[in-house]
Amino acid sequence: MPSAASPRTGAPEEVIITAAGAAGHHARPQVSERITVPLIRGSTRDLRRLQERTNLSRTDIVNRAITAYEFLDDKLKSGHDLIVRNRRTGETQLVRFL
Protein backbone atom coordinates (compact mmCIF):
# COMPACT_ATOMS: atom_id res chain seq x y z
CA MET A 1 0.00 0.00 0.00
CA PRO A 2 1.27 3.52 -0.70
CA SER A 3 2.18 5.69 2.22
CA ALA A 4 1.66 9.42 2.60
CA ALA A 5 4.68 11.67 2.42
CA SER A 6 5.68 13.80 5.38
CA PRO A 7 5.13 17.51 4.69
CA ARG A 8 8.51 18.22 6.34
CA THR A 9 10.75 15.56 4.82
CA GLY A 10 8.84 13.96 1.95
CA ALA A 11 9.49 10.56 3.57
CA PRO A 12 6.65 8.09 4.22
CA GLU A 13 4.65 8.88 7.37
CA GLU A 14 5.30 6.44 10.18
CA VAL A 15 4.04 5.77 13.68
CA ILE A 16 6.75 4.75 16.09
CA ILE A 17 5.32 3.28 19.27
CA THR A 18 7.27 4.02 22.42
CA ALA A 19 6.39 4.24 26.10
CA ALA A 20 5.74 7.97 26.08
CA GLY A 21 3.26 8.76 28.85
CA ALA A 22 0.20 10.92 28.41
CA ALA A 23 0.55 14.56 29.36
CA GLY A 24 0.28 15.02 33.10
CA HIS A 25 1.10 11.40 33.95
CA HIS A 26 4.16 10.93 36.12
CA ALA A 27 4.64 7.17 35.82
CA ARG A 28 5.86 5.88 32.47
CA PRO A 29 4.67 2.46 31.35
CA GLN A 30 7.31 -0.11 30.54
CA VAL A 31 8.00 -0.68 26.87
CA SER A 32 7.08 -4.23 25.93
CA GLU A 33 7.54 -3.82 22.18
CA ARG A 34 8.47 -1.12 19.70
CA ILE A 35 7.16 -1.09 16.12
CA THR A 36 7.39 1.19 13.09
CA VAL A 37 4.32 1.31 10.86
CA PRO A 38 4.06 3.14 7.52
CA LEU A 39 0.63 4.79 7.27
CA ILE A 40 -1.54 5.11 4.20
CA ARG A 41 -2.82 8.60 3.35
CA GLY A 42 -6.27 8.07 4.91
CA SER A 43 -4.83 6.78 8.16
CA THR A 44 -2.41 9.72 8.34
CA ARG A 45 -5.33 12.15 7.96
CA ASP A 46 -7.41 10.28 10.55
CA LEU A 47 -4.51 10.20 13.01
CA ARG A 48 -4.07 13.97 12.74
CA ARG A 49 -7.81 14.51 13.25
CA LEU A 50 -7.75 12.31 16.36
CA GLN A 51 -4.75 14.19 17.74
CA GLU A 52 -6.53 17.52 17.23
CA ARG A 53 -9.81 16.29 18.72
CA THR A 54 -8.40 14.37 21.70
CA ASN A 55 -5.08 16.10 22.43
CA LEU A 56 -3.57 12.62 22.83
CA SER A 57 -0.14 11.63 21.54
CA ARG A 58 0.22 9.39 18.50
CA THR A 59 1.50 6.68 20.83
CA ASP A 60 -1.58 6.92 23.07
CA ILE A 61 -3.92 6.87 20.05
CA VAL A 62 -2.23 3.82 18.51
CA ASN A 63 -2.22 1.93 21.82
CA ARG A 64 -5.92 2.69 22.35
CA ALA A 65 -6.72 1.70 18.76
CA ILE A 66 -5.03 -1.69 19.19
CA THR A 67 -6.83 -2.30 22.49
CA ALA A 68 -10.19 -1.26 20.99
CA TYR A 69 -9.67 -3.46 17.92
CA GLU A 70 -8.74 -6.45 20.06
CA PHE A 71 -11.91 -5.97 22.14
CA LEU A 72 -14.13 -5.60 19.05
CA ASP A 73 -12.53 -8.54 17.24
CA ASP A 74 -12.99 -10.76 20.31
CA LYS A 75 -16.66 -9.81 20.65
CA LEU A 76 -17.43 -10.19 16.95
CA LYS A 77 -15.67 -13.57 16.73
CA SER A 78 -17.63 -14.81 19.76
CA GLY A 79 -20.97 -14.09 18.09
CA HIS A 80 -21.77 -10.55 19.24
CA ASP A 81 -23.04 -7.74 17.00
CA LEU A 82 -21.70 -4.20 17.04
CA ILE A 83 -24.58 -1.75 17.07
CA VAL A 84 -24.17 2.02 17.10
CA ARG A 85 -27.04 4.08 18.53
CA ASN A 86 -27.58 7.82 18.06
CA ARG A 87 -28.39 9.10 21.56
CA ARG A 88 -30.35 12.04 20.20
CA THR A 89 -32.58 10.20 17.71
CA GLY A 90 -32.43 6.62 18.98
CA GLU A 91 -31.52 5.43 15.46
CA THR A 92 -29.38 2.28 15.47
CA GLN A 93 -27.02 0.86 12.87
CA LEU A 94 -25.42 -2.56 12.64
CA VAL A 95 -21.65 -2.18 12.01
CA ARG A 96 -19.86 -4.80 9.93
CA PHE A 97 -16.09 -5.05 9.45
CA LEU A 98 -15.05 -6.56 6.13
PDB file of N, CA and C in Angstrom:
ATOM      1  N   MET A   1       0.836  -1.178   0.000  1.00  0.00           N
ATOM      2  CA  MET A   1       0.000   0.000   0.000  1.00  0.00           C
ATOM      3  C   MET A   1       0.880   1.241   0.000  1.00  0.00           C
ATOM      4  N   PRO A   2       0.471   2.304  -0.712  1.00  0.00           N
ATOM      5  CA  PRO A   2       1.273   3.519  -0.697  1.00  0.00           C
ATOM      6  C   PRO A   2       1.165   4.214   0.644  1.00  0.00           C
ATOM      7  N   SER A   3       2.206   4.938   0.974  1.00  0.00           N
ATOM      8  CA  SER A   3       2.176   5.688   2.219  1.00  0.00           C
ATOM      9  C   SER A   3       2.204   7.169   1.898  1.00  0.00           C
ATOM     10  N   ALA A   4       1.680   7.973   2.786  1.00  0.00           N
ATOM     11  CA  ALA A   4       1.656   9.416   2.597  1.00  0.00           C
ATOM     12  C   ALA A   4       3.031   9.974   2.892  1.00  0.00           C
ATOM     13  N   ALA A   5       3.387  11.042   2.192  1.00  0.00           N
ATOM     14  CA  ALA A   5       4.684  11.672   2.420  1.00  0.00           C
ATOM     15  C   ALA A   5       4.572  12.711   3.524  1.00  0.00           C
ATOM     16  N   SER A   6       5.609  12.801   4.326  1.00  0.00           N
ATOM     17  CA  SER A   6       5.677  13.801   5.384  1.00  0.00           C
ATOM     18  C   SER A   6       5.794  15.175   4.759  1.00  0.00           C
ATOM     19  N   PRO A   7       5.017  16.164   5.245  1.00  0.00           N
ATOM     20  CA  PRO A   7       5.126  17.512   4.695  1.00  0.00           C
ATOM     21  C   PRO A   7       6.501  18.119   4.958  1.00  0.00           C
ATOM     22  N   ARG A   8       7.189  17.667   6.000  1.00  0.00           N
ATOM     23  CA  ARG A   8       8.506  18.219   6.340  1.00  0.00           C
ATOM     24  C   ARG A   8       9.622  17.586   5.531  1.00  0.00           C
ATOM     25  N   THR A   9       9.606  16.254   5.401  1.00  0.00           N
ATOM     26  CA  THR A   9      10.750  15.562   4.821  1.00  0.00           C
ATOM     27  C   THR A   9      10.461  14.903   3.487  1.00  0.00           C
ATOM     28  N   GLY A  10       9.193  14.683   3.155  1.00  0.00           N
ATOM     29  CA  GLY A  10       8.843  13.956   1.947  1.00  0.00           C
ATOM     30  C   GLY A  10       8.910  12.451   2.125  1.00  0.00           C
ATOM     31  N   ALA A  11       9.389  11.990   3.287  1.00  0.00           N
ATOM     32  CA  ALA A  11       9.492  10.556   3.572  1.00  0.00           C
ATOM     33  C   ALA A  11       8.125   9.999   3.944  1.00  0.00           C
ATOM     34  N   PRO A  12       7.941   8.678   3.821  1.00  0.00           N
ATOM     35  CA  PRO A  12       6.653   8.092   4.224  1.00  0.00           C
ATOM     36  C   PRO A  12       6.354   8.378   5.687  1.00  0.00           C
ATOM     37  N   GLU A  13       5.076   8.655   5.984  1.00  0.00           N
ATOM     38  CA  GLU A  13       4.652   8.879   7.369  1.00  0.00           C
ATOM     39  C   GLU A  13       4.753   7.565   8.125  1.00  0.00           C
ATOM     40  N   GLU A  14       5.181   7.624   9.360  1.00  0.00           N
ATOM     41  CA  GLU A  14       5.299   6.436  10.178  1.00  0.00           C
ATOM     42  C   GLU A  14       4.815   6.722  11.587  1.00  0.00           C
ATOM     43  N   VAL A  15       4.340   5.697  12.255  1.00  0.00           N
ATOM     44  CA  VAL A  15       4.040   5.766  13.676  1.00  0.00           C
ATOM     45  C   VAL A  15       5.079   4.911  14.364  1.00  0.00           C
ATOM     46  N   ILE A  16       5.777   5.499  15.300  1.00  0.00           N
ATOM     47  CA  ILE A  16       6.749   4.750  16.086  1.00  0.00           C
ATOM     48  C   ILE A  16       6.212   4.678  17.496  1.00  0.00           C
ATOM     49  N   ILE A  17       5.917   3.473  17.956  1.00  0.00           N
ATOM     50  CA  ILE A  17       5.322   3.284  19.267  1.00  0.00           C
ATOM     51  C   ILE A  17       6.433   3.204  20.301  1.00  0.00           C
ATOM     52  N   THR A  18       6.345   4.063  21.298  1.00  0.00           N
ATOM     53  CA  THR A  18       7.269   4.018  22.424  1.00  0.00           C
ATOM     54  C   THR A  18       6.446   4.113  23.693  1.00  0.00           C
ATOM     55  N   ALA A  19       7.096   4.191  24.824  1.00  0.00           N
ATOM     56  CA  ALA A  19       6.387   4.238  26.097  1.00  0.00           C
ATOM     57  C   ALA A  19       6.189   5.661  26.572  1.00  0.00           C
ATOM     58  N   ALA A  20       5.972   6.592  25.676  1.00  0.00           N
ATOM     59  CA  ALA A  20       5.741   7.973  26.084  1.00  0.00           C
ATOM     60  C   ALA A  20       4.433   8.048  26.850  1.00  0.00           C
ATOM     61  N   GLY A  21       4.462   8.638  28.028  1.00  0.00           N
ATOM     62  CA  GLY A  21       3.263   8.757  28.845  1.00  0.00           C
ATOM     63  C   GLY A  21       2.383   9.893  28.376  1.00  0.00           C
ATOM     64  N   ALA A  22       1.125   9.842  28.727  1.00  0.00           N
ATOM     65  CA  ALA A  22       0.202  10.917  28.405  1.00  0.00           C
ATOM     66  C   ALA A  22       0.581  12.149  29.210  1.00  0.00           C
ATOM     67  N   ALA A  23       0.245  13.309  28.671  1.00  0.00           N
ATOM     68  CA  ALA A  23       0.554  14.559  29.355  1.00  0.00           C
ATOM     69  C   ALA A  23      -0.037  14.543  30.759  1.00  0.00           C
ATOM     70  N   GLY A  24       0.763  14.946  31.736  1.00  0.00           N
ATOM     71  CA  GLY A  24       0.284  15.016  33.104  1.00  0.00           C
ATOM     72  C   GLY A  24       0.481  13.744  33.895  1.00  0.00           C
ATOM     73  N   HIS A  25       0.871  12.657  33.233  1.00  0.00           N
ATOM     74  CA  HIS A  25       1.104  11.405  33.948  1.00  0.00           C
ATOM     75  C   HIS A  25       2.563  11.338  34.366  1.00  0.00           C
ATOM     76  N   HIS A  26       2.806  10.961  35.611  1.00  0.00           N
ATOM     77  CA  HIS A  26       4.164  10.926  36.121  1.00  0.00           C
ATOM     78  C   HIS A  26       4.824   9.580  35.878  1.00  0.00           C
ATOM     79  N   ALA A  27       4.079   8.506  36.000  1.00  0.00           N
ATOM     80  CA  ALA A  27       4.640   7.172  35.818  1.00  0.00           C
ATOM     81  C   ALA A  27       4.650   6.833  34.332  1.00  0.00           C
ATOM     82  N   ARG A  28       5.765   6.288  33.867  1.00  0.00           N
ATOM     83  CA  ARG A  28       5.865   5.880  32.471  1.00  0.00           C
ATOM     84  C   ARG A  28       5.690   4.376  32.390  1.00  0.00           C
ATOM     85  N   PRO A  29       4.827   3.909  31.490  1.00  0.00           N
ATOM     86  CA  PRO A  29       4.667   2.464  31.347  1.00  0.00           C
ATOM     87  C   PRO A  29       5.941   1.854  30.773  1.00  0.00           C
ATOM     88  N   GLN A  30       6.158   0.582  31.085  1.00  0.00           N
ATOM     89  CA  GLN A  30       7.314  -0.108  30.535  1.00  0.00           C
ATOM     90  C   GLN A  30       7.063  -0.431  29.073  1.00  0.00           C
ATOM     91  N   VAL A  31       8.099  -0.326  28.278  1.00  0.00           N
ATOM     92  CA  VAL A  31       7.996  -0.681  26.866  1.00  0.00           C
ATOM     93  C   VAL A  31       8.046  -2.191  26.747  1.00  0.00           C
ATOM     94  N   SER A  32       7.041  -2.785  26.137  1.00  0.00           N
ATOM     95  CA  SER A  32       7.079  -4.227  25.930  1.00  0.00           C
ATOM     96  C   SER A  32       7.446  -4.544  24.481  1.00  0.00           C
ATOM     97  N   GLU A  33       7.182  -3.610  23.574  1.00  0.00           N
ATOM     98  CA  GLU A  33       7.539  -3.818  22.175  1.00  0.00           C
ATOM     99  C   GLU A  33       7.524  -2.481  21.468  1.00  0.00           C
ATOM    100  N   ARG A  34       8.395  -2.333  20.498  1.00  0.00           N
ATOM    101  CA  ARG A  34       8.465  -1.116  19.700  1.00  0.00           C
ATOM    102  C   ARG A  34       8.285  -1.509  18.239  1.00  0.00           C
ATOM    103  N   ILE A  35       7.390  -0.800  17.527  1.00  0.00           N
ATOM    104  CA  ILE A  35       7.161  -1.091  16.116  1.00  0.00           C
ATOM    105  C   ILE A  35       7.175   0.198  15.313  1.00  0.00           C
ATOM    106  N   THR A  36       7.474   0.074  14.033  1.00  0.00           N
ATOM    107  CA  THR A  36       7.387   1.186  13.094  1.00  0.00           C
ATOM    108  C   THR A  36       6.381   0.779  12.034  1.00  0.00           C
ATOM    109  N   VAL A  37       5.400   1.648  11.777  1.00  0.00           N
ATOM    110  CA  VAL A  37       4.320   1.315  10.856  1.00  0.00           C
ATOM    111  C   VAL A  37       4.151   2.427   9.824  1.00  0.00           C
ATOM    112  N   PRO A  38       4.365   2.136   8.536  1.00  0.00           N
ATOM    113  CA  PRO A  38       4.059   3.140   7.516  1.00  0.00           C
ATOM    114  C   PRO A  38       2.539   3.301   7.421  1.00  0.00           C
ATOM    115  N   LEU A  39       2.067   4.532   7.325  1.00  0.00           N
ATOM    116  CA  LEU A  39       0.632   4.790   7.266  1.00  0.00           C
ATOM    117  C   LEU A  39       0.204   5.167   5.853  1.00  0.00           C
ATOM    118  N   ILE A  40      -0.965   4.679   5.459  1.00  0.00           N
ATOM    119  CA  ILE A  40      -1.545   5.108   4.196  1.00  0.00           C
ATOM    120  C   ILE A  40      -2.127   6.507   4.387  1.00  0.00           C
ATOM    121  N   ARG A  41      -2.379   7.201   3.302  1.00  0.00           N
ATOM    122  CA  ARG A  41      -2.821   8.596   3.353  1.00  0.00           C
ATOM    123  C   ARG A  41      -4.058   8.782   4.240  1.00  0.00           C
ATOM    124  N   GLY A  42      -5.053   7.925   4.111  1.00  0.00           N
ATOM    125  CA  GLY A  42      -6.271   8.070   4.911  1.00  0.00           C
ATOM    126  C   GLY A  42      -6.010   7.916   6.397  1.00  0.00           C
ATOM    127  N   SER A  43      -5.153   6.978   6.750  1.00  0.00           N
ATOM    128  CA  SER A  43      -4.825   6.784   8.160  1.00  0.00           C
ATOM    129  C   SER A  43      -4.039   7.961   8.717  1.00  0.00           C
ATOM    130  N   THR A  44      -3.171   8.545   7.911  1.00  0.00           N
ATOM    131  CA  THR A  44      -2.413   9.716   8.338  1.00  0.00           C
ATOM    132  C   THR A  44      -3.361  10.868   8.645  1.00  0.00           C
ATOM    133  N   ARG A  45      -4.321  11.090   7.762  1.00  0.00           N
ATOM    134  CA  ARG A  45      -5.326  12.147   7.961  1.00  0.00           C
ATOM    135  C   ARG A  45      -6.147  11.866   9.220  1.00  0.00           C
ATOM    136  N   ASP A  46      -6.597  10.628   9.390  1.00  0.00           N
ATOM    137  CA  ASP A  46      -7.409  10.276  10.551  1.00  0.00           C
ATOM    138  C   ASP A  46      -6.625  10.421  11.851  1.00  0.00           C
ATOM    139  N   LEU A  47      -5.347  10.049  11.832  1.00  0.00           N
ATOM    140  CA  LEU A  47      -4.507  10.197  13.014  1.00  0.00           C
ATOM    141  C   LEU A  47      -4.387  11.666  13.409  1.00  0.00           C
ATOM    142  N   ARG A  48      -4.168  12.532  12.440  1.00  0.00           N
ATOM    143  CA  ARG A  48      -4.072  13.973  12.738  1.00  0.00           C
ATOM    144  C   ARG A  48      -5.383  14.510  13.299  1.00  0.00           C
ATOM    145  N   ARG A  49      -6.502  14.078  12.727  1.00  0.00           N
ATOM    146  CA  ARG A  49      -7.806  14.513  13.246  1.00  0.00           C
ATOM    147  C   ARG A  49      -7.994  14.065  14.696  1.00  0.00           C
ATOM    148  N   LEU A  50      -7.636  12.818  14.986  1.00  0.00           N
ATOM    149  CA  LEU A  50      -7.747  12.309  16.359  1.00  0.00           C
ATOM    150  C   LEU A  50      -6.861  13.092  17.314  1.00  0.00           C
ATOM    151  N   GLN A  51      -5.637  13.409  16.887  1.00  0.00           N
ATOM    152  CA  GLN A  51      -4.746  14.192  17.741  1.00  0.00           C
ATOM    153  C   GLN A  51      -5.359  15.558  18.047  1.00  0.00           C
ATOM    154  N   GLU A  52      -5.922  16.207  17.030  1.00  0.00           N
ATOM    155  CA  GLU A  52      -6.531  17.525  17.233  1.00  0.00           C
ATOM    156  C   GLU A  52      -7.745  17.441  18.153  1.00  0.00           C
ATOM    157  N   ARG A  53      -8.575  16.422  17.960  1.00  0.00           N
ATOM    158  CA  ARG A  53      -9.810  16.290  18.723  1.00  0.00           C
ATOM    159  C   ARG A  53      -9.583  15.830  20.155  1.00  0.00           C
ATOM    160  N   THR A  54      -8.589  14.971  20.377  1.00  0.00           N
ATOM    161  CA  THR A  54      -8.405  14.369  21.696  1.00  0.00           C
ATOM    162  C   THR A  54      -7.238  14.943  22.488  1.00  0.00           C
ATOM    163  N   ASN A  55      -6.321  15.616  21.808  1.00  0.00           N
ATOM    164  CA  ASN A  55      -5.080  16.099  22.434  1.00  0.00           C
ATOM    165  C   ASN A  55      -4.234  14.959  22.990  1.00  0.00           C
ATOM    166  N   LEU A  56      -4.388  13.765  22.441  1.00  0.00           N
ATOM    167  CA  LEU A  56      -3.570  12.623  22.834  1.00  0.00           C
ATOM    168  C   LEU A  56      -2.364  12.519  21.901  1.00  0.00           C
ATOM    169  N   SER A  57      -1.311  11.868  22.381  1.00  0.00           N
ATOM    170  CA  SER A  57      -0.137  11.634  21.542  1.00  0.00           C
ATOM    171  C   SER A  57      -0.441  10.532  20.528  1.00  0.00           C
ATOM    172  N   ARG A  58       0.379  10.467  19.480  1.00  0.00           N
ATOM    173  CA  ARG A  58       0.220   9.388  18.503  1.00  0.00           C
ATOM    174  C   ARG A  58       0.368   8.031  19.177  1.00  0.00           C
ATOM    175  N   THR A  59       1.292   7.933  20.117  1.00  0.00           N
ATOM    176  CA  THR A  59       1.499   6.675  20.834  1.00  0.00           C
ATOM    177  C   THR A  59       0.240   6.270  21.592  1.00  0.00           C
ATOM    178  N   ASP A  60      -0.363   7.226  22.320  1.00  0.00           N
ATOM    179  CA  ASP A  60      -1.583   6.917  23.069  1.00  0.00           C
ATOM    180  C   ASP A  60      -2.714   6.502  22.132  1.00  0.00           C
ATOM    181  N   ILE A  61      -2.852   7.193  21.006  1.00  0.00           N
ATOM    182  CA  ILE A  61      -3.916   6.866  20.050  1.00  0.00           C
ATOM    183  C   ILE A  61      -3.716   5.468  19.484  1.00  0.00           C
ATOM    184  N   VAL A  62      -2.502   5.133  19.087  1.00  0.00           N
ATOM    185  CA  VAL A  62      -2.235   3.816  18.513  1.00  0.00           C
ATOM    186  C   VAL A  62      -2.455   2.720  19.555  1.00  0.00           C
ATOM    187  N   ASN A  63      -1.986   2.929  20.779  1.00  0.00           N
ATOM    188  CA  ASN A  63      -2.219   1.931  21.822  1.00  0.00           C
ATOM    189  C   ASN A  63      -3.704   1.733  22.083  1.00  0.00           C
ATOM    190  N   ARG A  64      -4.473   2.813  22.139  1.00  0.00           N
ATOM    191  CA  ARG A  64      -5.924   2.693  22.350  1.00  0.00           C
ATOM    192  C   ARG A  64      -6.600   2.015  21.165  1.00  0.00           C
ATOM    193  N   ALA A  65      -6.135   2.310  19.955  1.00  0.00           N
ATOM    194  CA  ALA A  65      -6.722   1.696  18.761  1.00  0.00           C
ATOM    195  C   ALA A  65      -6.507   0.185  18.771  1.00  0.00           C
ATOM    196  N   ILE A  66      -5.321  -0.250  19.136  1.00  0.00           N
ATOM    197  CA  ILE A  66      -5.034  -1.687  19.195  1.00  0.00           C
ATOM    198  C   ILE A  66      -5.894  -2.360  20.256  1.00  0.00           C
ATOM    199  N   THR A  67      -6.004  -1.739  21.417  1.00  0.00           N
ATOM    200  CA  THR A  67      -6.827  -2.296  22.494  1.00  0.00           C
ATOM    201  C   THR A  67      -8.302  -2.349  22.078  1.00  0.00           C
ATOM    202  N   ALA A  68      -8.800  -1.289  21.442  1.00  0.00           N
ATOM    203  CA  ALA A  68     -10.193  -1.259  20.985  1.00  0.00           C
ATOM    204  C   ALA A  68     -10.432  -2.322  19.915  1.00  0.00           C
ATOM    205  N   TYR A  69      -9.507  -2.455  18.981  1.00  0.00           N
ATOM    206  CA  TYR A  69      -9.666  -3.456  17.924  1.00  0.00           C
ATOM    207  C   TYR A  69      -9.655  -4.868  18.488  1.00  0.00           C
ATOM    208  N   GLU A  70      -8.780  -5.120  19.445  1.00  0.00           N
ATOM    209  CA  GLU A  70      -8.738  -6.454  20.061  1.00  0.00           C
ATOM    210  C   GLU A  70     -10.071  -6.763  20.744  1.00  0.00           C
ATOM    211  N   PHE A  71     -10.628  -5.785  21.463  1.00  0.00           N
ATOM    212  CA  PHE A  71     -11.912  -5.965  22.138  1.00  0.00           C
ATOM    213  C   PHE A  71     -13.015  -6.257  21.116  1.00  0.00           C
ATOM    214  N   LEU A  72     -13.084  -5.422  20.062  1.00  0.00           N
ATOM    215  CA  LEU A  72     -14.129  -5.601  19.050  1.00  0.00           C
ATOM    216  C   LEU A  72     -13.977  -6.930  18.320  1.00  0.00           C
ATOM    217  N   ASP A  73     -12.762  -7.282  17.943  1.00  0.00           N
ATOM    218  CA  ASP A  73     -12.530  -8.538  17.240  1.00  0.00           C
ATOM    219  C   ASP A  73     -12.950  -9.726  18.105  1.00  0.00           C
ATOM    220  N   ASP A  74     -12.602  -9.690  19.389  1.00  0.00           N
ATOM    221  CA  ASP A  74     -12.988 -10.763  20.305  1.00  0.00           C
ATOM    222  C   ASP A  74     -14.508 -10.892  20.382  1.00  0.00           C
ATOM    223  N   LYS A  75     -15.195  -9.765  20.541  1.00  0.00           N
ATOM    224  CA  LYS A  75     -16.661  -9.806  20.654  1.00  0.00           C
ATOM    225  C   LYS A  75     -17.299 -10.295  19.363  1.00  0.00           C
ATOM    226  N   LEU A  76     -16.839  -9.798  18.224  1.00  0.00           N
ATOM    227  CA  LEU A  76     -17.425 -10.191  16.946  1.00  0.00           C
ATOM    228  C   LEU A  76     -17.178 -11.666  16.666  1.00  0.00           C
ATOM    229  N   LYS A  77     -15.990 -12.154  16.976  1.00  0.00           N
ATOM    230  CA  LYS A  77     -15.671 -13.573  16.734  1.00  0.00           C
ATOM    231  C   LYS A  77     -16.417 -14.496  17.682  1.00  0.00           C
ATOM    232  N   SER A  78     -16.884 -13.968  18.821  1.00  0.00           N
ATOM    233  CA  SER A  78     -17.627 -14.810  19.758  1.00  0.00           C
ATOM    234  C   SER A  78     -19.138 -14.671  19.574  1.00  0.00           C
ATOM    235  N   GLY A  79     -19.555 -14.098  18.431  1.00  0.00           N
ATOM    236  CA  GLY A  79     -20.973 -14.087  18.087  1.00  0.00           C
ATOM    237  C   GLY A  79     -21.750 -12.838  18.439  1.00  0.00           C
ATOM    238  N   HIS A  80     -21.093 -11.793  18.917  1.00  0.00           N
ATOM    239  CA  HIS A  80     -21.772 -10.547  19.238  1.00  0.00           C
ATOM    240  C   HIS A  80     -21.919  -9.670  17.998  1.00  0.00           C
ATOM    241  N   ASP A  81     -22.882  -8.768  18.024  1.00  0.00           N
ATOM    242  CA  ASP A  81     -23.043  -7.744  16.999  1.00  0.00           C
ATOM    243  C   ASP A  81     -22.543  -6.420  17.548  1.00  0.00           C
ATOM    244  N   LEU A  82     -22.073  -5.561  16.660  1.00  0.00           N
ATOM    245  CA  LEU A  82     -21.703  -4.201  17.036  1.00  0.00           C
ATOM    246  C   LEU A  82     -22.792  -3.281  16.502  1.00  0.00           C
ATOM    247  N   ILE A  83     -23.478  -2.638  17.431  1.00  0.00           N
ATOM    248  CA  ILE A  83     -24.582  -1.751  17.069  1.00  0.00           C
ATOM    249  C   ILE A  83     -24.275  -0.359  17.597  1.00  0.00           C
ATOM    250  N   VAL A  84     -24.399   0.632  16.724  1.00  0.00           N
ATOM    251  CA  VAL A  84     -24.169   2.021  17.097  1.00  0.00           C
ATOM    252  C   VAL A  84     -25.523   2.707  17.192  1.00  0.00           C
ATOM    253  N   ARG A  85     -25.755   3.405  18.325  1.00  0.00           N
ATOM    254  CA  ARG A  85     -27.038   4.083  18.531  1.00  0.00           C
ATOM    255  C   ARG A  85     -26.810   5.578  18.677  1.00  0.00           C
ATOM    256  N   ASN A  86     -27.600   6.366  17.939  1.00  0.00           N
ATOM    257  CA  ASN A  86     -27.578   7.817  18.063  1.00  0.00           C
ATOM    258  C   ASN A  86     -28.380   8.183  19.308  1.00  0.00           C
ATOM    259  N   ARG A  87     -27.705   8.766  20.302  1.00  0.00           N
ATOM    260  CA  ARG A  87     -28.390   9.104  21.562  1.00  0.00           C
ATOM    261  C   ARG A  87     -29.501  10.119  21.369  1.00  0.00           C
ATOM    262  N   ARG A  88     -29.351  10.990  20.410  1.00  0.00           N
ATOM    263  CA  ARG A  88     -30.351  12.042  20.197  1.00  0.00           C
ATOM    264  C   ARG A  88     -31.609  11.494  19.529  1.00  0.00           C
ATOM    265  N   THR A  89     -31.422  10.671  18.469  1.00  0.00           N
ATOM    266  CA  THR A  89     -32.580  10.203  17.707  1.00  0.00           C
ATOM    267  C   THR A  89     -33.009   8.779  18.053  1.00  0.00           C
ATOM    268  N   GLY A  90     -32.131   8.015  18.692  1.00  0.00           N
ATOM    269  CA  GLY A  90     -32.430   6.620  18.981  1.00  0.00           C
ATOM    270  C   GLY A  90     -32.177   5.695  17.798  1.00  0.00           C
ATOM    271  N   GLU A  91     -31.800   6.241  16.640  1.00  0.00           N
ATOM    272  CA  GLU A  91     -31.525   5.426  15.462  1.00  0.00           C
ATOM    273  C   GLU A  91     -30.342   4.496  15.744  1.00  0.00           C
ATOM    274  N   THR A  92     -30.469   3.236  15.294  1.00  0.00           N
ATOM    275  CA  THR A  92     -29.384   2.276  15.473  1.00  0.00           C
ATOM    276  C   THR A  92     -28.894   1.785  14.120  1.00  0.00           C
ATOM    277  N   GLN A  93     -27.608   1.422  14.072  1.00  0.00           N
ATOM    278  CA  GLN A  93     -27.015   0.858  12.873  1.00  0.00           C
ATOM    279  C   GLN A  93     -26.168  -0.344  13.255  1.00  0.00           C
ATOM    280  N   LEU A  94     -26.260  -1.398  12.464  1.00  0.00           N
ATOM    281  CA  LEU A  94     -25.416  -2.556  12.636  1.00  0.00           C
ATOM    282  C   LEU A  94     -24.103  -2.273  11.915  1.00  0.00           C
ATOM    283  N   VAL A  95     -22.972  -2.460  12.598  1.00  0.00           N
ATOM    284  CA  VAL A  95     -21.645  -2.180  12.012  1.00  0.00           C
ATOM    285  C   VAL A  95     -21.025  -3.518  11.634  1.00  0.00           C
ATOM    286  N   ARG A  96     -20.546  -3.608  10.403  1.00  0.00           N
ATOM    287  CA  ARG A  96     -19.862  -4.800   9.926  1.00  0.00           C
ATOM    288  C   ARG A  96     -18.462  -4.436   9.484  1.00  0.00           C
ATOM    289  N   PHE A  97     -17.473  -5.229   9.893  1.00  0.00           N
ATOM    290  CA  PHE A  97     -16.090  -5.054   9.450  1.00  0.00           C
ATOM    291  C   PHE A  97     -15.842  -6.085   8.349  1.00  0.00           C
ATOM    292  N   LEU A  98     -15.315  -5.643   7.240  1.00  0.00           N
ATOM    293  CA  LEU A  98     -15.046  -6.556   6.129  1.00  0.00           C
ATOM    294  C   LEU A  98     -13.618  -7.019   6.147  1.00  0.00           C
TER     295      LEU A  98
END
